[in-house]
Amino acid sequence: MLSKEKLARINELARKGKTSGLSKEEAREQSSLRSEYLAAFRSQMLDTLTHTTIIDPQGNDVTPEKIKQRKKRNLH
């Protein structure tokens, strides 16, 4: 995940954007930080899903095939 400093900067830029607006340089920085945040979030979410098994009420493994295949690739 992103550092606390980067998250604080994202929030700071968002607040400033709502109140007084951002300069072009600040807008680029905000875009870059948001992209970095989303990439980290997606990676973390994918890792979480890869390590998840879904069991139905009858006790059967109903994990989607894509996740099962990803688990197998990560083991090798």
PDB file of N, CA and C in Angstrom:
ATOM      1  N   MET A   1       0.833  -1.176   0.000  1.00  0.00           N
ATOM      2  CA  MET A   1       0.000   0.000   0.000  1.00  0.00           C
ATOM      3  C   MET A   1       0.877   1.239   0.000  1.00  0.00           C
ATOM      4  N   LEU A   2       0.282   2.342  -0.274  1.00  0.00           N
ATOM      5  CA  LEU A   2       1.017   3.600  -0.303  1.00  0.00           C
ATOM      6  C   LEU A   2       1.386   4.055   1.106  1.00  0.00           C
ATOM      7  N   SER A   3       2.422   4.861   1.180  1.00  0.00           N
ATOM      8  CA  SER A   3       2.841   5.399   2.471  1.00  0.00           C
ATOM      9  C   SER A   3       1.801   6.382   2.992  1.00  0.00           C
ATOM     10  N   LYS A   4       1.849   6.617   4.288  1.00  0.00           N
ATOM     11  CA  LYS A   4       0.912   7.560   4.904  1.00  0.00           C
ATOM     12  C   LYS A   4       1.098   8.964   4.327  1.00  0.00           C
ATOM     13  N   GLU A   5       2.340   9.297   4.001  1.00  0.00           N
ATOM     14  CA  GLU A   5       2.621  10.617   3.447  1.00  0.00           C
ATOM     15  C   GLU A   5       1.941  10.804   2.081  1.00  0.00           C
ATOM     16  N   LYS A   6       2.002   9.777   1.250  1.00  0.00           N
ATOM     17  CA  LYS A   6       1.376   9.865  -0.077  1.00  0.00           C
ATOM     18  C   LYS A   6      -0.139   9.926   0.036  1.00  0.00           C
ATOM     19  N   LEU A   7      -0.714   9.127   0.948  1.00  0.00           N
ATOM     20  CA  LEU A   7      -2.163   9.174   1.151  1.00  0.00           C
ATOM     21  C   LEU A   7      -2.593  10.548   1.659  1.00  0.00           C
ATOM     22  N   ALA A   8      -1.800  11.094   2.569  1.00  0.00           N
ATOM     23  CA  ALA A   8      -2.104  12.437   3.088  1.00  0.00           C
ATOM     24  C   ALA A   8      -2.037  13.468   1.968  1.00  0.00           C
ATOM     25  N   ARG A   9      -1.065  13.317   1.075  1.00  0.00           N
ATOM     26  CA  ARG A   9      -0.924  14.265  -0.040  1.00  0.00           C
ATOM     27  C   ARG A   9      -2.110  14.134  -1.005  1.00  0.00           C
ATOM     28  N   ILE A  10      -2.565  12.923  -1.266  1.00  0.00           N
ATOM     29  CA  ILE A  10      -3.741  12.720  -2.128  1.00  0.00           C
ATOM     30  C   ILE A  10      -4.935  13.454  -1.530  1.00  0.00           C
ATOM     31  N   ASN A  11      -5.142  13.290  -0.235  1.00  0.00           N
ATOM     32  CA  ASN A  11      -6.266  13.939   0.438  1.00  0.00           C
ATOM     33  C   ASN A  11      -6.117  15.459   0.448  1.00  0.00           C
ATOM     34  N   GLU A  12      -4.897  15.910   0.654  1.00  0.00           N
ATOM     35  CA  GLU A  12      -4.635  17.353   0.654  1.00  0.00           C
ATOM     36  C   GLU A  12      -4.968  17.954  -0.714  1.00  0.00           C
ATOM     37  N   LEU A  13      -4.530  17.299  -1.768  1.00  0.00           N
ATOM     38  CA  LEU A  13      -4.804  17.794  -3.119  1.00  0.00           C
ATOM     39  C   LEU A  13      -6.303  17.738  -3.432  1.00  0.00           C
ATOM     40  N   ALA A  14      -6.983  16.718  -2.948  1.00  0.00           N
ATOM     41  CA  ALA A  14      -8.429  16.616  -3.179  1.00  0.00           C
ATOM     42  C   ALA A  14      -9.163  17.767  -2.496  1.00  0.00           C
ATOM     43  N   ARG A  15      -8.776  18.060  -1.260  1.00  0.00           N
ATOM     44  CA  ARG A  15      -9.403  19.179  -0.539  1.00  0.00           C
ATOM     45  C   ARG A  15      -9.125  20.503  -1.248  1.00  0.00           C
ATOM     46  N   LYS A  16      -7.881  20.687  -1.661  1.00  0.00           N
ATOM     47  CA  LYS A  16      -7.517  21.928  -2.336  1.00  0.00           C
ATOM     48  C   LYS A  16      -8.265  22.059  -3.663  1.00  0.00           C
ATOM     49  N   GLY A  17      -8.399  20.942  -4.372  1.00  0.00           N
ATOM     50  CA  GLY A  17      -9.111  20.951  -5.645  1.00  0.00           C
ATOM     51  C   GLY A  17     -10.565  21.363  -5.486  1.00  0.00           C
ATOM     52  N   LYS A  18     -11.171  20.975  -4.379  1.00  0.00           N
ATOM     53  CA  LYS A  18     -12.568  21.320  -4.133  1.00  0.00           C
ATOM     54  C   LYS A  18     -12.737  22.777  -3.724  1.00  0.00           C
ATOM     55  N   THR A  19     -11.745  23.317  -3.045  1.00  0.00           N
ATOM     56  CA  THR A  19     -11.886  24.685  -2.524  1.00  0.00           C
ATOM     57  C   THR A  19     -11.354  25.742  -3.484  1.00  0.00           C
ATOM     58  N   SER A  20     -10.065  25.671  -3.786  1.00  0.00           N
ATOM     59  CA  SER A  20      -9.468  26.751  -4.582  1.00  0.00           C
ATOM     60  C   SER A  20      -8.988  26.317  -5.959  1.00  0.00           C
ATOM     61  N   GLY A  21      -9.044  25.040  -6.250  1.00  0.00           N
ATOM     62  CA  GLY A  21      -8.572  24.550  -7.549  1.00  0.00           C
ATOM     63  C   GLY A  21      -7.096  24.202  -7.508  1.00  0.00           C
ATOM     64  N   LEU A  22      -6.678  23.411  -8.483  1.00  0.00           N
ATOM     65  CA  LEU A  22      -5.290  22.943  -8.553  1.00  0.00           C
ATOM     66  C   LEU A  22      -4.576  23.562  -9.744  1.00  0.00           C
ATOM     67  N   SER A  23      -3.269  23.784  -9.573  1.00  0.00           N
ATOM     68  CA  SER A  23      -2.464  24.217 -10.710  1.00  0.00           C
ATOM     69  C   SER A  23      -2.254  23.009 -11.618  1.00  0.00           C
ATOM     70  N   LYS A  24      -1.731  23.229 -12.805  1.00  0.00           N
ATOM     71  CA  LYS A  24      -1.492  22.106 -13.725  1.00  0.00           C
ATOM     72  C   LYS A  24      -0.514  21.110 -13.122  1.00  0.00           C
ATOM     73  N   GLU A  25       0.504  21.618 -12.453  1.00  0.00           N
ATOM     74  CA  GLU A  25       1.495  20.732 -11.835  1.00  0.00           C
ATOM     75  C   GLU A  25       0.859  19.906 -10.721  1.00  0.00           C
ATOM     76  N   GLU A  26       0.019  20.531  -9.910  1.00  0.00           N
ATOM     77  CA  GLU A  26      -0.660  19.809  -8.839  1.00  0.00           C
ATOM     78  C   GLU A  26      -1.639  18.781  -9.397  1.00  0.00           C
ATOM     79  N   ALA A  27      -2.303  19.129 -10.480  1.00  0.00           N
ATOM     80  CA  ALA A  27      -3.235  18.189 -11.114  1.00  0.00           C
ATOM     81  C   ALA A  27      -2.482  16.968 -11.641  1.00  0.00           C
ATOM     82  N   ARG A  28      -1.304  17.193 -12.217  1.00  0.00           N
ATOM     83  CA  ARG A  28      -0.485  16.062 -12.690  1.00  0.00           C
ATOM     84  C   ARG A  28      -0.031  15.200 -11.519  1.00  0.00           C
ATOM     85  N   GLU A  29       0.383  15.860 -10.435  1.00  0.00           N
ATOM     86  CA  GLU A  29       0.810  15.118  -9.247  1.00  0.00           C
ATOM     87  C   GLU A  29      -0.349  14.299  -8.694  1.00  0.00           C
ATOM     88  N   GLN A  30      -1.530  14.900  -8.628  1.00  0.00           N
ATOM     89  CA  GLN A  30      -2.707  14.206  -8.126  1.00  0.00           C
ATOM     90  C   GLN A  30      -3.025  12.989  -8.994  1.00  0.00           C
ATOM     91  N   SER A  31      -2.974  13.172 -10.300  1.00  0.00           N
ATOM     92  CA  SER A  31      -3.245  12.074 -11.222  1.00  0.00           C
ATOM     93  C   SER A  31      -2.238  10.940 -11.043  1.00  0.00           C
ATOM     94  N   SER A  32      -0.981  11.299 -10.903  1.00  0.00           N
ATOM     95  CA  SER A  32       0.073  10.304 -10.713  1.00  0.00           C
ATOM     96  C   SER A  32      -0.119   9.546  -9.400  1.00  0.00           C
ATOM     97  N   LEU A  33      -0.412  10.280  -8.333  1.00  0.00           N
ATOM     98  CA  LEU A  33      -0.624   9.633  -7.033  1.00  0.00           C
ATOM     99  C   LEU A  33      -1.856   8.734  -7.053  1.00  0.00           C
ATOM    100  N   ARG A  34      -2.906   9.189  -7.700  1.00  0.00           N
ATOM    101  CA  ARG A  34      -4.122   8.366  -7.795  1.00  0.00           C
ATOM    102  C   ARG A  34      -3.850   7.085  -8.578  1.00  0.00           C
ATOM    103  N   SER A  35      -3.102   7.193  -9.662  1.00  0.00           N
ATOM    104  CA  SER A  35      -2.761   6.003 -10.458  1.00  0.00           C
ATOM    105  C   SER A  35      -1.950   5.020  -9.628  1.00  0.00           C
ATOM    106  N   GLU A  36      -1.003   5.544  -8.879  1.00  0.00           N
ATOM    107  CA  GLU A  36      -0.177   4.698  -8.016  1.00  0.00           C
ATOM    108  C   GLU A  36      -1.041   4.023  -6.944  1.00  0.00           C
ATOM    109  N   TYR A  37      -1.969   4.785  -6.366  1.00  0.00           N
ATOM    110  CA  TYR A  37      -2.869   4.249  -5.345  1.00  0.00           C
ATOM    111  C   TYR A  37      -3.737   3.137  -5.931  1.00  0.00           C
ATOM    112  N   LEU A  38      -4.327   3.380  -7.100  1.00  0.00           N
ATOM    113  CA  LEU A  38      -5.198   2.378  -7.714  1.00  0.00           C
ATOM    114  C   LEU A  38      -4.436   1.105  -8.071  1.00  0.00           C
ATOM    115  N   ALA A  39      -3.213   1.252  -8.561  1.00  0.00           N
ATOM    116  CA  ALA A  39      -2.402   0.076  -8.898  1.00  0.00           C
ATOM    117  C   ALA A  39      -2.125  -0.746  -7.639  1.00  0.00           C
ATOM    118  N   ALA A  40      -1.783  -0.077  -6.542  1.00  0.00           N
ATOM    119  CA  ALA A  40      -1.513  -0.773  -5.283  1.00  0.00           C
ATOM    120  C   ALA A  40      -2.786  -1.450  -4.764  1.00  0.00           C
ATOM    121  N   PHE A  41      -3.913  -0.738  -4.848  1.00  0.00           N
ATOM    122  CA  PHE A  41      -5.188  -1.295  -4.388  1.00  0.00           C
ATOM    123  C   PHE A  41      -5.562  -2.535  -5.199  1.00  0.00           C
ATOM    124  N   ARG A  42      -5.456  -2.435  -6.519  1.00  0.00           N
ATOM    125  CA  ARG A  42      -5.811  -3.573  -7.378  1.00  0.00           C
ATOM    126  C   ARG A  42      -4.919  -4.776  -7.105  1.00  0.00           C
ATOM    127  N   SER A  43      -3.637  -4.519  -6.922  1.00  0.00           N
ATOM    128  CA  SER A  43      -2.703  -5.603  -6.636  1.00  0.00           C
ATOM    129  C   SER A  43      -3.055  -6.293  -5.325  1.00  0.00           C
ATOM    130  N   GLN A  44      -3.342  -5.502  -4.320  1.00  0.00           N
ATOM    131  CA  GLN A  44      -3.699  -6.047  -3.013  1.00  0.00           C
ATOM    132  C   GLN A  44      -5.015  -6.825  -3.083  1.00  0.00           C
ATOM    133  N   MET A  45      -5.989  -6.297  -3.813  1.00  0.00           N
ATOM    134  CA  MET A  45      -7.280  -6.977  -3.943  1.00  0.00           C
ATOM    135  C   MET A  45      -7.117  -8.298  -4.697  1.00  0.00           C
ATOM    136  N   LEU A  46      -6.337  -8.288  -5.753  1.00  0.00           N
ATOM    137  CA  LEU A  46      -6.101  -9.509  -6.518  1.00  0.00           C
ATOM    138  C   LEU A  46      -5.411 -10.556  -5.655  1.00  0.00           C
ATOM    139  N   ASP A  47      -4.449 -10.121  -4.841  1.00  0.00           N
ATOM    140  CA  ASP A  47      -3.761 -11.040  -3.938  1.00  0.00           C
ATOM    141  C   ASP A  47      -4.750 -11.633  -2.935  1.00  0.00           C
ATOM    142  N   THR A  48      -5.637 -10.797  -2.408  1.00  0.00           N
ATOM    143  CA  THR A  48      -6.646 -11.278  -1.460  1.00  0.00           C
ATOM    144  C   THR A  48      -7.561 -12.303  -2.114  1.00  0.00           C
ATOM    145  N   LEU A  49      -8.039 -11.994  -3.316  1.00  0.00           N
ATOM    146  CA  LEU A  49      -8.928 -12.925  -4.015  1.00  0.00           C
ATOM    147  C   LEU A  49      -8.224 -14.227  -4.370  1.00  0.00           C
ATOM    148  N   THR A  50      -6.951 -14.149  -4.711  1.00  0.00           N
ATOM    149  CA  THR A  50      -6.194 -15.339  -5.068  1.00  0.00           C
ATOM    150  C   THR A  50      -6.078 -16.292  -3.883  1.00  0.00           C
ATOM    151  N   HIS A  51      -6.076 -15.757  -2.684  1.00  0.00           N
ATOM    152  CA  HIS A  51      -5.937 -16.586  -1.492  1.00  0.00           C
ATOM    153  C   HIS A  51      -7.277 -16.859  -0.809  1.00  0.00           C
ATOM    154  N   THR A  52      -8.366 -16.715  -1.573  1.00  0.00           N
ATOM    155  CA  THR A  52      -9.706 -16.942  -1.029  1.00  0.00           C
ATOM    156  C   THR A  52     -10.313 -18.195  -1.654  1.00  0.00           C
ATOM    157  N   THR A  53     -10.982 -18.972  -0.826  1.00  0.00           N
ATOM    158  CA  THR A  53     -11.725 -20.133  -1.296  1.00  0.00           C
ATOM    159  C   THR A  53     -13.182 -19.907  -0.928  1.00  0.00           C
ATOM    160  N   ILE A  54     -14.066 -20.143  -1.880  1.00  0.00           N
ATOM    161  CA  ILE A  54     -15.492 -19.931  -1.650  1.00  0.00           C
ATOM    162  C   ILE A  54     -16.163 -21.288  -1.481  1.00  0.00           C
ATOM    163  N   ILE A  55     -16.851 -21.433  -0.347  1.00  0.00           N
ATOM    164  CA  ILE A  55     -17.521 -22.687  -0.024  1.00  0.00           C
ATOM    165  C   ILE A  55     -19.022 -22.401   0.068  1.00  0.00           C
ATOM    166  N   ASP A  56     -19.845 -23.207  -0.625  1.00  0.00           N
ATOM    167  CA  ASP A  56     -21.299 -23.018  -0.555  1.00  0.00           C
ATOM    168  C   ASP A  56     -21.840 -23.662   0.735  1.00  0.00           C
ATOM    169  N   PRO A  57     -23.123 -23.452   1.039  1.00  0.00           N
ATOM    170  CA  PRO A  57     -23.693 -23.981   2.289  1.00  0.00           C
ATOM    171  C   PRO A  57     -23.596 -25.508   2.428  1.00  0.00           C
ATOM    172  N   GLN A  58     -23.492 -26.222   1.307  1.00  0.00           N
ATOM    173  CA  GLN A  58     -23.368 -27.683   1.365  1.00  0.00           C
ATOM    174  C   GLN A  58     -21.920 -28.135   1.580  1.00  0.00           C
ATOM    175  N   GLY A  59     -20.986 -27.191   1.605  1.00  0.00           N
ATOM    176  CA  GLY A  59     -19.583 -27.534   1.828  1.00  0.00           C
ATOM    177  C   GLY A  59     -18.784 -27.757   0.555  1.00  0.00           C
ATOM    178  N   ASN A  60     -19.370 -27.435  -0.592  1.00  0.00           N
ATOM    179  CA  ASN A  60     -18.663 -27.624  -1.865  1.00  0.00           C
ATOM    180  C   ASN A  60     -17.823 -26.399  -2.196  1.00  0.00           C
ATOM    181  N   ASP A  61     -16.653 -26.642  -2.768  1.00  0.00           N
ATOM    182  CA  ASP A  61     -15.783 -25.555  -3.217  1.00  0.00           C
ATOM    183  C   ASP A  61     -16.365 -24.985  -4.505  1.00  0.00           C
ATOM    184  N   VAL A  62     -16.827 -23.746  -4.468  1.00  0.00           N
ATOM    185  CA  VAL A  62     -17.425 -23.107  -5.650  1.00  0.00           C
ATOM    186  C   VAL A  62     -16.591 -21.892  -6.080  1.00  0.00           C
ATOM    187  N   THR A  63     -15.303 -21.951  -5.783  1.00  0.00           N
ATOM    188  CA  THR A  63     -14.396 -20.879  -6.174  1.00  0.00           C
ATOM    189  C   THR A  63     -14.386 -20.781  -7.700  1.00  0.00           C
ATOM    190  N   PRO A  64     -14.507 -19.573  -8.255  1.00  0.00           N
ATOM    191  CA  PRO A  64     -14.478 -19.427  -9.710  1.00  0.00           C
ATOM    192  C   PRO A  64     -13.190 -20.011 -10.315  1.00  0.00           C
ATOM    193  N   GLU A  65     -13.323 -20.555 -11.497  1.00  0.00           N
ATOM    194  CA  GLU A  65     -12.209 -21.230 -12.163  1.00  0.00           C
ATOM    195  C   GLU A  65     -11.012 -20.298 -12.373  1.00  0.00           C
ATOM    196  N   LYS A  66     -11.266 -19.040 -12.679  1.00  0.00           N
ATOM    197  CA  LYS A  66     -10.169 -18.091 -12.885  1.00  0.00           C
ATOM    198  C   LYS A  66      -9.301 -17.973 -11.639  1.00  0.00           C
ATOM    199  N   ILE A  67      -9.932 -17.944 -10.481  1.00  0.00           N
ATOM    200  CA  ILE A  67      -9.175 -17.829  -9.239  1.00  0.00           C
ATOM    201  C   ILE A  67      -8.396 -19.111  -8.974  1.00  0.00           C
ATOM    202  N   LYS A  68      -9.013 -20.263  -9.245  1.00  0.00           N
ATOM    203  CA  LYS A  68      -8.314 -21.543  -9.061  1.00  0.00           C
ATOM    204  C   LYS A  68      -7.076 -21.614  -9.953  1.00  0.00           C
ATOM    205  N   GLN A  69      -7.215 -21.179 -11.206  1.00  0.00           N
ATOM    206  CA  GLN A  69      -6.083 -21.194 -12.125  1.00  0.00           C
ATOM    207  C   GLN A  69      -4.982 -20.255 -11.644  1.00  0.00           C
ATOM    208  N   ARG A  70      -5.365 -19.093 -11.149  1.00  0.00           N
ATOM    209  CA  ARG A  70      -4.374 -18.134 -10.638  1.00  0.00           C
ATOM    210  C   ARG A  70      -3.627 -18.696  -9.435  1.00  0.00           C
ATOM    211  N   LYS A  71      -4.348 -19.406  -8.567  1.00  0.00           N
ATOM    212  CA  LYS A  71      -3.698 -20.048  -7.409  1.00  0.00           C
ATOM    213  C   LYS A  71      -2.643 -21.044  -7.885  1.00  0.00           C
ATOM    214  N   LYS A  72      -3.000 -21.833  -8.889  1.00  0.00           N
ATOM    215  CA  LYS A  72      -2.064 -22.835  -9.395  1.00  0.00           C
ATOM    216  C   LYS A  72      -0.822 -22.176  -9.975  1.00  0.00           C
ATOM    217  N   ARG A  73      -0.988 -21.064 -10.703  1.00  0.00           N
ATOM    218  CA  ARG A  73       0.152 -20.355 -11.293  1.00  0.00           C
ATOM    219  C   ARG A  73       1.041 -19.770 -10.212  1.00  0.00           C
ATOM    220  N   ASN A  74       0.457 -19.292  -9.126  1.00  0.00           N
ATOM    221  CA  ASN A  74       1.251 -18.693  -8.050  1.00  0.00           C
ATOM    222  C   ASN A  74       2.018 -19.723  -7.254  1.00  0.00           C
ATOM    223  N   LEU A  75       1.557 -20.971  -7.271  1.00  0.00           N
ATOM    224  CA  LEU A  75       2.257 -22.033  -6.549  1.00  0.00           C
ATOM    225  C   LEU A  75       3.509 -22.494  -7.290  1.00  0.00           C
ATOM    226  N   HIS A  76       3.532 -22.288  -8.594  1.00  0.00           N
ATOM    227  CA  HIS A  76       4.682 -22.783  -9.387  1.00  0.00           C
ATOM    228  C   HIS A  76       5.700 -21.718  -9.598  1.00  0.00           C
TER     229      HIS A  76
END
